[in-house]
Amino acid sequence: MILKLLLIVGVITVVYMMFFKKKPSVTEEKKRKTTSNAKDSKDINELVKCETCGVYVELNEALLSNAKYYCCSECAQKGSL
């Protein structure tokens, strides 16, 4: 009886360790990647104002012409006239 109980507890422990317990080395690596990605995404998500129409666009989507940011090619053409 005791042997069966110990065997069941052992099997439950093994299943828990295999499927539910997270490995610390993997989570630490994910944390490092997440913090570095957060720093990078902060730069990417910076908003700049279009010189022609005043719309704010993300820095990675904005067009740069003559040291000024524009939201689209139409505004860039209007701004250069």
PDB file of N, CA and C in Angstrom:
ATOM      1  N   MET A   1       0.824  -1.196   0.000  1.00  0.00           N
ATOM      2  CA  MET A   1       0.000   0.000   0.000  1.00  0.00           C
ATOM      3  C   MET A   1       0.867   1.258   0.000  1.00  0.00           C
ATOM      4  N   ILE A   2       1.848   1.311   0.892  1.00  0.00           N
ATOM      5  CA  ILE A   2       2.739   2.461   0.973  1.00  0.00           C
ATOM      6  C   ILE A   2       3.577   2.565  -0.303  1.00  0.00           C
ATOM      7  N   LEU A   3       3.982   1.414  -0.828  1.00  0.00           N
ATOM      8  CA  LEU A   3       4.781   1.400  -2.047  1.00  0.00           C
ATOM      9  C   LEU A   3       3.993   1.976  -3.224  1.00  0.00           C
ATOM     10  N   LYS A   4       2.709   1.628  -3.325  1.00  0.00           N
ATOM     11  CA  LYS A   4       1.862   2.171  -4.386  1.00  0.00           C
ATOM     12  C   LYS A   4       1.707   3.685  -4.237  1.00  0.00           C
ATOM     13  N   LEU A   5       1.528   4.155  -3.029  1.00  0.00           N
ATOM     14  CA  LEU A   5       1.375   5.586  -2.764  1.00  0.00           C
ATOM     15  C   LEU A   5       2.652   6.344  -3.142  1.00  0.00           C
ATOM     16  N   LEU A   6       3.799   5.811  -2.781  1.00  0.00           N
ATOM     17  CA  LEU A   6       5.070   6.446  -3.141  1.00  0.00           C
ATOM     18  C   LEU A   6       5.276   6.437  -4.655  1.00  0.00           C
ATOM     19  N   LEU A   7       4.880   5.371  -5.316  1.00  0.00           N
ATOM     20  CA  LEU A   7       5.007   5.286  -6.765  1.00  0.00           C
ATOM     21  C   LEU A   7       4.116   6.326  -7.450  1.00  0.00           C
ATOM     22  N   ILE A   8       2.894   6.492  -6.974  1.00  0.00           N
ATOM     23  CA  ILE A   8       1.974   7.481  -7.545  1.00  0.00           C
ATOM     24  C   ILE A   8       2.508   8.893  -7.322  1.00  0.00           C
ATOM     25  N   VAL A   9       2.993   9.184  -6.134  1.00  0.00           N
ATOM     26  CA  VAL A   9       3.560  10.503  -5.846  1.00  0.00           C
ATOM     27  C   VAL A   9       4.783  10.745  -6.730  1.00  0.00           C
ATOM     28  N   GLY A  10       5.589   9.745  -6.940  1.00  0.00           N
ATOM     29  CA  GLY A  10       6.763   9.883  -7.795  1.00  0.00           C
ATOM     30  C   GLY A  10       6.385  10.154  -9.244  1.00  0.00           C
ATOM     31  N   VAL A  11       5.384   9.450  -9.750  1.00  0.00           N
ATOM     32  CA  VAL A  11       4.943   9.667 -11.128  1.00  0.00           C
ATOM     33  C   VAL A  11       4.368  11.068 -11.283  1.00  0.00           C
ATOM     34  N   ILE A  12       3.568  11.513 -10.335  1.00  0.00           N
ATOM     35  CA  ILE A  12       2.990  12.864 -10.383  1.00  0.00           C
ATOM     36  C   ILE A  12       4.101  13.911 -10.350  1.00  0.00           C
ATOM     37  N   THR A  13       5.111  13.702  -9.537  1.00  0.00           N
ATOM     38  CA  THR A  13       6.234  14.634  -9.454  1.00  0.00           C
ATOM     39  C   THR A  13       6.988  14.703 -10.778  1.00  0.00           C
ATOM     40  N   VAL A  14       7.232  13.567 -11.404  1.00  0.00           N
ATOM     41  CA  VAL A  14       7.947  13.539 -12.678  1.00  0.00           C
ATOM     42  C   VAL A  14       7.134  14.253 -13.754  1.00  0.00           C
ATOM     43  N   VAL A  15       5.829  13.996 -13.802  1.00  0.00           N
ATOM     44  CA  VAL A  15       4.973  14.656 -14.795  1.00  0.00           C
ATOM     45  C   VAL A  15       4.963  16.160 -14.556  1.00  0.00           C
ATOM     46  N   TYR A  16       4.883  16.576 -13.326  1.00  0.00           N
ATOM     47  CA  TYR A  16       4.904  18.012 -13.002  1.00  0.00           C
ATOM     48  C   TYR A  16       6.216  18.648 -13.450  1.00  0.00           C
ATOM     49  N   MET A  17       7.315  17.988 -13.153  1.00  0.00           N
ATOM     50  CA  MET A  17       8.624  18.542 -13.517  1.00  0.00           C
ATOM     51  C   MET A  17       8.794  18.625 -15.038  1.00  0.00           C
ATOM     52  N   MET A  18       8.246  17.668 -15.765  1.00  0.00           N
ATOM     53  CA  MET A  18       8.422  17.650 -17.211  1.00  0.00           C
ATOM     54  C   MET A  18       7.555  18.692 -17.912  1.00  0.00           C
ATOM     55  N   PHE A  19       6.326  18.878 -17.461  1.00  0.00           N
ATOM     56  CA  PHE A  19       5.393  19.698 -18.214  1.00  0.00           C
ATOM     57  C   PHE A  19       5.089  21.062 -17.610  1.00  0.00           C
ATOM     58  N   PHE A  20       5.120  21.181 -16.320  1.00  0.00           N
ATOM     59  CA  PHE A  20       4.655  22.416 -15.707  1.00  0.00           C
ATOM     60  C   PHE A  20       5.749  23.294 -15.135  1.00  0.00           C
ATOM     61  N   LYS A  21       6.832  22.754 -14.737  1.00  0.00           N
ATOM     62  CA  LYS A  21       7.895  23.552 -14.139  1.00  0.00           C
ATOM     63  C   LYS A  21       8.763  24.140 -15.242  1.00  0.00           C
ATOM     64  N   LYS A  22       8.983  25.439 -15.179  1.00  0.00           N
ATOM     65  CA  LYS A  22       9.800  26.110 -16.183  1.00  0.00           C
ATOM     66  C   LYS A  22      11.263  26.008 -15.804  1.00  0.00           C
ATOM     67  N   LYS A  23      12.083  25.899 -16.822  1.00  0.00           N
ATOM     68  CA  LYS A  23      13.513  25.831 -16.578  1.00  0.00           C
ATOM     69  C   LYS A  23      14.045  27.243 -16.372  1.00  0.00           C
ATOM     70  N   PRO A  24      14.839  27.482 -15.331  1.00  0.00           N
ATOM     71  CA  PRO A  24      15.326  28.835 -15.070  1.00  0.00           C
ATOM     72  C   PRO A  24      16.254  29.374 -16.152  1.00  0.00           C
ATOM     73  N   SER A  25      17.050  28.548 -16.781  1.00  0.00           N
ATOM     74  CA  SER A  25      17.980  29.051 -17.792  1.00  0.00           C
ATOM     75  C   SER A  25      17.241  29.587 -19.008  1.00  0.00           C
ATOM     76  N   VAL A  26      16.137  28.968 -19.380  1.00  0.00           N
ATOM     77  CA  VAL A  26      15.364  29.422 -20.532  1.00  0.00           C
ATOM     78  C   VAL A  26      14.677  30.740 -20.209  1.00  0.00           C
ATOM     79  N   THR A  27      14.117  30.870 -19.006  1.00  0.00           N
ATOM     80  CA  THR A  27      13.421  32.107 -18.652  1.00  0.00           C
ATOM     81  C   THR A  27      14.392  33.270 -18.517  1.00  0.00           C
ATOM     82  N   GLU A  28      15.583  33.015 -18.013  1.00  0.00           N
ATOM     83  CA  GLU A  28      16.577  34.089 -17.911  1.00  0.00           C
ATOM     84  C   GLU A  28      16.981  34.570 -19.298  1.00  0.00           C
ATOM     85  N   GLU A  29      17.131  33.645 -20.227  1.00  0.00           N
ATOM     86  CA  GLU A  29      17.496  34.019 -21.596  1.00  0.00           C
ATOM     87  C   GLU A  29      16.371  34.818 -22.246  1.00  0.00           C
ATOM     88  N   LYS A  30      15.132  34.429 -22.002  1.00  0.00           N
ATOM     89  CA  LYS A  30      13.992  35.169 -22.549  1.00  0.00           C
ATOM     90  C   LYS A  30      13.922  36.566 -21.956  1.00  0.00           C
ATOM     91  N   LYS A  31      14.224  36.698 -20.668  1.00  0.00           N
ATOM     92  CA  LYS A  31      14.203  38.016 -20.028  1.00  0.00           C
ATOM     93  C   LYS A  31      15.248  38.928 -20.658  1.00  0.00           C
ATOM     94  N   ARG A  32      16.424  38.388 -20.923  1.00  0.00           N
ATOM     95  CA  ARG A  32      17.465  39.194 -21.556  1.00  0.00           C
ATOM     96  C   ARG A  32      17.026  39.648 -22.938  1.00  0.00           C
ATOM     97  N   LYS A  33      16.433  38.757 -23.709  1.00  0.00           N
ATOM     98  CA  LYS A  33      15.970  39.107 -25.047  1.00  0.00           C
ATOM     99  C   LYS A  33      14.851  40.129 -24.982  1.00  0.00           C
ATOM    100  N   THR A  34      13.942  39.962 -24.021  1.00  0.00           N
ATOM    101  CA  THR A  34      12.811  40.876 -23.885  1.00  0.00           C
ATOM    102  C   THR A  34      13.279  42.273 -23.534  1.00  0.00           C
ATOM    103  N   THR A  35      14.231  42.398 -22.625  1.00  0.00           N
ATOM    104  CA  THR A  35      14.701  43.726 -22.246  1.00  0.00           C
ATOM    105  C   THR A  35      15.460  44.379 -23.385  1.00  0.00           C
ATOM    106  N   SER A  36      16.221  43.607 -24.148  1.00  0.00           N
ATOM    107  CA  SER A  36      16.930  44.205 -25.274  1.00  0.00           C
ATOM    108  C   SER A  36      15.948  44.589 -26.375  1.00  0.00           C
ATOM    109  N   ASN A  37      14.904  43.794 -26.584  1.00  0.00           N
ATOM    110  CA  ASN A  37      13.893  44.129 -27.588  1.00  0.00           C
ATOM    111  C   ASN A  37      13.094  45.345 -27.162  1.00  0.00           C
ATOM    112  N   ALA A  38      12.862  45.496 -25.870  1.00  0.00           N
ATOM    113  CA  ALA A  38      12.117  46.661 -25.387  1.00  0.00           C
ATOM    114  C   ALA A  38      12.896  47.939 -25.653  1.00  0.00           C
ATOM    115  N   LYS A  39      14.198  47.904 -25.479  1.00  0.00           N
ATOM    116  CA  LYS A  39      15.021  49.072 -25.758  1.00  0.00           C
ATOM    117  C   LYS A  39      14.996  49.401 -27.243  1.00  0.00           C
ATOM    118  N   ASP A  40      15.077  48.373 -28.090  1.00  0.00           N
ATOM    119  CA  ASP A  40      15.047  48.586 -29.531  1.00  0.00           C
ATOM    120  C   ASP A  40      13.692  49.095 -29.995  1.00  0.00           C
ATOM    121  N   SER A  41      12.617  48.546 -29.438  1.00  0.00           N
ATOM    122  CA  SER A  41      11.281  48.961 -29.862  1.00  0.00           C
ATOM    123  C   SER A  41      10.979  50.386 -29.410  1.00  0.00           C
ATOM    124  N   LYS A  42      11.611  50.839 -28.343  1.00  0.00           N
ATOM    125  CA  LYS A  42      11.422  52.215 -27.899  1.00  0.00           C
ATOM    126  C   LYS A  42      11.908  53.186 -28.975  1.00  0.00           C
ATOM    127  N   ASP A  43      13.043  52.888 -29.584  1.00  0.00           N
ATOM    128  CA  ASP A  43      13.563  53.734 -30.647  1.00  0.00           C
ATOM    129  C   ASP A  43      12.691  53.654 -31.890  1.00  0.00           C
ATOM    130  N   ILE A  44      12.186  52.484 -32.199  1.00  0.00           N
ATOM    131  CA  ILE A  44      11.378  52.294 -33.392  1.00  0.00           C
ATOM    132  C   ILE A  44      10.036  53.010 -33.263  1.00  0.00           C
ATOM    133  N   ASN A  45       9.438  52.985 -32.095  1.00  0.00           N
ATOM    134  CA  ASN A  45       8.111  53.549 -31.903  1.00  0.00           C
ATOM    135  C   ASN A  45       8.121  55.049 -31.627  1.00  0.00           C
ATOM    136  N   GLU A  46       9.230  55.680 -31.767  1.00  0.00           N
ATOM    137  CA  GLU A  46       9.292  57.124 -31.558  1.00  0.00           C
ATOM    138  C   GLU A  46       8.489  57.814 -32.656  1.00  0.00           C
ATOM    139  N   LEU A  47       7.686  58.797 -32.274  1.00  0.00           N
ATOM    140  CA  LEU A  47       6.845  59.508 -33.225  1.00  0.00           C
ATOM    141  C   LEU A  47       7.501  60.815 -33.659  1.00  0.00           C
ATOM    142  N   VAL A  48       7.349  61.121 -34.943  1.00  0.00           N
ATOM    143  CA  VAL A  48       7.845  62.385 -35.484  1.00  0.00           C
ATOM    144  C   VAL A  48       6.693  63.066 -36.222  1.00  0.00           C
ATOM    145  N   LYS A  49       6.747  64.373 -36.298  1.00  0.00           N
ATOM    146  CA  LYS A  49       5.676  65.159 -36.906  1.00  0.00           C
ATOM    147  C   LYS A  49       5.999  65.443 -38.372  1.00  0.00           C
ATOM    148  N   CYS A  50       5.012  65.262 -39.231  1.00  0.00           N
ATOM    149  CA  CYS A  50       5.160  65.589 -40.645  1.00  0.00           C
ATOM    150  C   CYS A  50       5.247  67.101 -40.780  1.00  0.00           C
ATOM    151  N   GLU A  51       6.221  67.572 -41.535  1.00  0.00           N
ATOM    152  CA  GLU A  51       6.443  69.015 -41.689  1.00  0.00           C
ATOM    153  C   GLU A  51       5.334  69.690 -42.494  1.00  0.00           C
ATOM    154  N   THR A  52       4.650  68.956 -43.358  1.00  0.00           N
ATOM    155  CA  THR A  52       3.628  69.548 -44.219  1.00  0.00           C
ATOM    156  C   THR A  52       2.245  69.548 -43.565  1.00  0.00           C
ATOM    157  N   CYS A  53       1.775  68.371 -43.149  1.00  0.00           N
ATOM    158  CA  CYS A  53       0.394  68.277 -42.654  1.00  0.00           C
ATOM    159  C   CYS A  53       0.292  68.188 -41.144  1.00  0.00           C
ATOM    160  N   GLY A  54       1.392  67.920 -40.439  1.00  0.00           N
ATOM    161  CA  GLY A  54       1.379  67.891 -38.983  1.00  0.00           C
ATOM    162  C   GLY A  54       0.969  66.564 -38.377  1.00  0.00           C
ATOM    163  N   VAL A  55       0.795  65.528 -39.182  1.00  0.00           N
ATOM    164  CA  VAL A  55       0.425  64.203 -38.686  1.00  0.00           C
ATOM    165  C   VAL A  55       1.650  63.554 -38.044  1.00  0.00           C
ATOM    166  N   TYR A  56       1.432  62.859 -36.927  1.00  0.00           N
ATOM    167  CA  TYR A  56       2.523  62.140 -36.278  1.00  0.00           C
ATOM    168  C   TYR A  56       2.599  60.729 -36.837  1.00  0.00           C
ATOM    169  N   VAL A  57       3.798  60.321 -37.234  1.00  0.00           N
ATOM    170  CA  VAL A  57       4.043  58.972 -37.747  1.00  0.00           C
ATOM    171  C   VAL A  57       5.228  58.376 -37.001  1.00  0.00           C
ATOM    172  N   GLU A  58       5.293  57.041 -37.018  1.00  0.00           N
ATOM    173  CA  GLU A  58       6.428  56.373 -36.380  1.00  0.00           C
ATOM    174  C   GLU A  58       7.693  56.660 -37.169  1.00  0.00           C
ATOM    175  N   LEU A  59       8.784  56.720 -36.451  1.00  0.00           N
ATOM    176  CA  LEU A  59      10.072  57.066 -37.054  1.00  0.00           C
ATOM    177  C   LEU A  59      10.464  56.094 -38.162  1.00  0.00           C
ATOM    178  N   ASN A  60      10.179  54.801 -37.965  1.00  0.00           N
ATOM    179  CA  ASN A  60      10.573  53.824 -38.977  1.00  0.00           C
ATOM    180  C   ASN A  60       9.683  53.883 -40.217  1.00  0.00           C
ATOM    181  N   GLU A  61       8.529  54.554 -40.161  1.00  0.00           N
ATOM    182  CA  GLU A  61       7.647  54.684 -41.315  1.00  0.00           C
ATOM    183  C   GLU A  61       7.755  56.060 -41.982  1.00  0.00           C
ATOM    184  N   ALA A  62       8.391  57.002 -41.336  1.00  0.00           N
ATOM    185  CA  ALA A  62       8.475  58.365 -41.857  1.00  0.00           C
ATOM    186  C   ALA A  62       9.499  58.452 -42.989  1.00  0.00           C
ATOM    187  N   LEU A  63       9.253  59.405 -43.888  1.00  0.00           N
ATOM    188  CA  LEU A  63      10.192  59.677 -44.971  1.00  0.00           C
ATOM    189  C   LEU A  63      11.061  60.872 -44.582  1.00  0.00           C
ATOM    190  N   LEU A  64      12.343  60.773 -44.814  1.00  0.00           N
ATOM    191  CA  LEU A  64      13.277  61.834 -44.483  1.00  0.00           C
ATOM    192  C   LEU A  64      13.736  62.496 -45.767  1.00  0.00           C
ATOM    193  N   SER A  65      13.487  63.801 -45.870  1.00  0.00           N
ATOM    194  CA  SER A  65      13.895  64.545 -47.061  1.00  0.00           C
ATOM    195  C   SER A  65      14.336  65.932 -46.629  1.00  0.00           C
ATOM    196  N   ASN A  66      15.530  66.322 -47.013  1.00  0.00           N
ATOM    197  CA  ASN A  66      16.092  67.626 -46.643  1.00  0.00           C
ATOM    198  C   ASN A  66      16.070  67.846 -45.135  1.00  0.00           C
ATOM    199  N   ALA A  67      16.424  66.821 -44.393  1.00  0.00           N
ATOM    200  CA  ALA A  67      16.509  66.847 -42.930  1.00  0.00           C
ATOM    201  C   ALA A  67      15.160  67.122 -42.264  1.00  0.00           C
ATOM    202  N   LYS A  68      14.058  66.796 -42.951  1.00  0.00           N
ATOM    203  CA  LYS A  68      12.718  66.950 -42.399  1.00  0.00           C
ATOM    204  C   LYS A  68      11.965  65.649 -42.608  1.00  0.00           C
ATOM    205  N   TYR A  69      11.068  65.345 -41.658  1.00  0.00           N
ATOM    206  CA  TYR A  69      10.296  64.121 -41.730  1.00  0.00           C
ATOM    207  C   TYR A  69       8.932  64.397 -42.360  1.00  0.00           C
ATOM    208  N   TYR A  70       8.486  63.446 -43.190  1.00  0.00           N
ATOM    209  CA  TYR A  70       7.188  63.540 -43.847  1.00  0.00           C
ATOM    210  C   TYR A  70       6.454  62.216 -43.686  1.00  0.00           C
ATOM    211  N   CYS A  71       5.111  62.289 -43.730  1.00  0.00           N
ATOM    212  CA  CYS A  71       4.305  61.078 -43.547  1.00  0.00           C
ATOM    213  C   CYS A  71       4.161  60.283 -44.835  1.00  0.00           C
ATOM    214  N   CYS A  72       4.224  60.935 -45.989  1.00  0.00           N
ATOM    215  CA  CYS A  72       4.066  60.238 -47.263  1.00  0.00           C
ATOM    216  C   CYS A  72       4.831  60.986 -48.353  1.00  0.00           C
ATOM    217  N   SER A  73       4.886  60.396 -49.514  1.00  0.00           N
ATOM    218  CA  SER A  73       5.639  61.013 -50.605  1.00  0.00           C
ATOM    219  C   SER A  73       4.956  62.290 -51.109  1.00  0.00           C
ATOM    220  N   GLU A  74       3.617  62.365 -51.023  1.00  0.00           N
ATOM    221  CA  GLU A  74       2.900  63.570 -51.446  1.00  0.00           C
ATOM    222  C   GLU A  74       3.297  64.778 -50.578  1.00  0.00           C
ATOM    223  N   CYS A  75       3.347  64.545 -49.266  1.00  0.00           N
ATOM    224  CA  CYS A  75       3.746  65.631 -48.360  1.00  0.00           C
ATOM    225  C   CYS A  75       5.212  66.010 -48.587  1.00  0.00           C
ATOM    226  N   ALA A  76       6.049  65.031 -48.897  1.00  0.00           N
ATOM    227  CA  ALA A  76       7.456  65.328 -49.160  1.00  0.00           C
ATOM    228  C   ALA A  76       7.595  66.196 -50.414  1.00  0.00           C
ATOM    229  N   GLN A  77       6.779  65.923 -51.420  1.00  0.00           N
ATOM    230  CA  GLN A  77       6.821  66.736 -52.639  1.00  0.00           C
ATOM    231  C   GLN A  77       6.306  68.150 -52.381  1.00  0.00           C
ATOM    232  N   LYS A  78       5.239  68.255 -51.599  1.00  0.00           N
ATOM    233  CA  LYS A  78       4.694  69.564 -51.255  1.00  0.00           C
ATOM    234  C   LYS A  78       5.675  70.364 -50.414  1.00  0.00           C
ATOM    235  N   GLY A  79       6.373  69.686 -49.508  1.00  0.00           N
ATOM    236  CA  GLY A  79       7.310  70.355 -48.635  1.00  0.00           C
ATOM    237  C   GLY A  79       8.556  70.846 -49.344  1.00  0.00           C
ATOM    238  N   SER A  80       8.925  70.180 -50.428  1.00  0.00           N
ATOM    239  CA  SER A  80      10.133  70.576 -51.144  1.00  0.00           C
ATOM    240  C   SER A  80       9.875  71.687 -52.144  1.00  0.00           C
ATOM    241  N   LEU A  81       8.584  72.013 -52.401  1.00  0.00           N
ATOM    242  CA  LEU A  81       8.268  73.089 -53.361  1.00  0.00           C
ATOM    243  C   LEU A  81       8.461  74.438 -52.794  1.00  0.00           C
TER     244      LEU A  81
END
